[in-house]
Amino acid sequence: MILDPCIGLKEPENCSKRTGLVEIKRERMVKQKPGKQKRKFQVSNGYLLQFDQLARVLNFMAENVTVKKIGRKELGNNTGLSNRQIESLVSVGSAMGLIVSGKQTLSIVGRVIVGHDIFIEGKGTLEWCHYIAAGSYRNLIWHEIFNQILPNEQAKTQEGWMEYLRNAFAGKYTDRTIGKHLYEEVRFVVDAYLNRNFKKLELLHQTPDGILYRRRYTNLDPLIFSAMLYDYGLKQGTNVLQVVDLVRTYKIESF
């Protein structure tokens, strides 16, 4: 099997191809070690994921794309959103890889998505945002739900998820964090996949008696899957991926 990384590129002559290999061209590679990453407990900061509000924030950032750093107060004044809403939306946008944390500016991927799907409604856009957000070890609750609870634990209710996570984090976080913020973060994830745009991916389902379960996702957009392979190579710190090894060992986190 030959994977061609040049498919869809305007300048294929700049790509290298070998039978059974994918060579990843990149300026810089950073191999991240999960154990050394600081995990973020609060991503939502108590708010649910409002894609229309996120689009307003992304749009203002796009209009000021040359600015190196945008203040949260400025974002609030120009979007009509409160400071706490801005804090939540910037945090969520950063978790999905759309916003540069600390600068409140669009990431490279964020610029692409804003230019083509600012409301984050397309299947490919949602696939990528889910892959980054749920697959990131930094996004504590989001990651644990899709990479630990759903694939490895018996199906549970939302309360069951909270009990599992409460026991897992006991002694690692304060009682207040676990007592209040755990509920908010679990509620955020459940609502995002049952009631918001992520519902279109049909990844998370709920039975009439409240049991939450995952349906395996097998219909990835080919271009998004290619991007995931490139991302995997960057995380592994290599520019060469053997197809045979990918088949044996590569698991797309969060799907």
Foldseek 3Di string as FASTA:
>chain_A
DWDQLCVPPPCSVVADGDVQKHFFDDDDFDADDLVPDAADLFQQLQDADDLVLLLLLLVVLLVVQVDQADDLVNSCVRSVDDSSNSSNSQSLCVLLVQADPPRSHGDPVVNVCNVPPSSQQDPQSLVSSLLRNCVDSRHPPSVCVQFPPQPPHDWDALVVSLVVVCVVCVPVDDPCCSVPSSSSVSVNVVCCCVPHSVVVQVQWDADPVRTIHGDDRDDHDVVSVSVQVSVVCSNVVHRMDGPVVCVVDPDRRRD
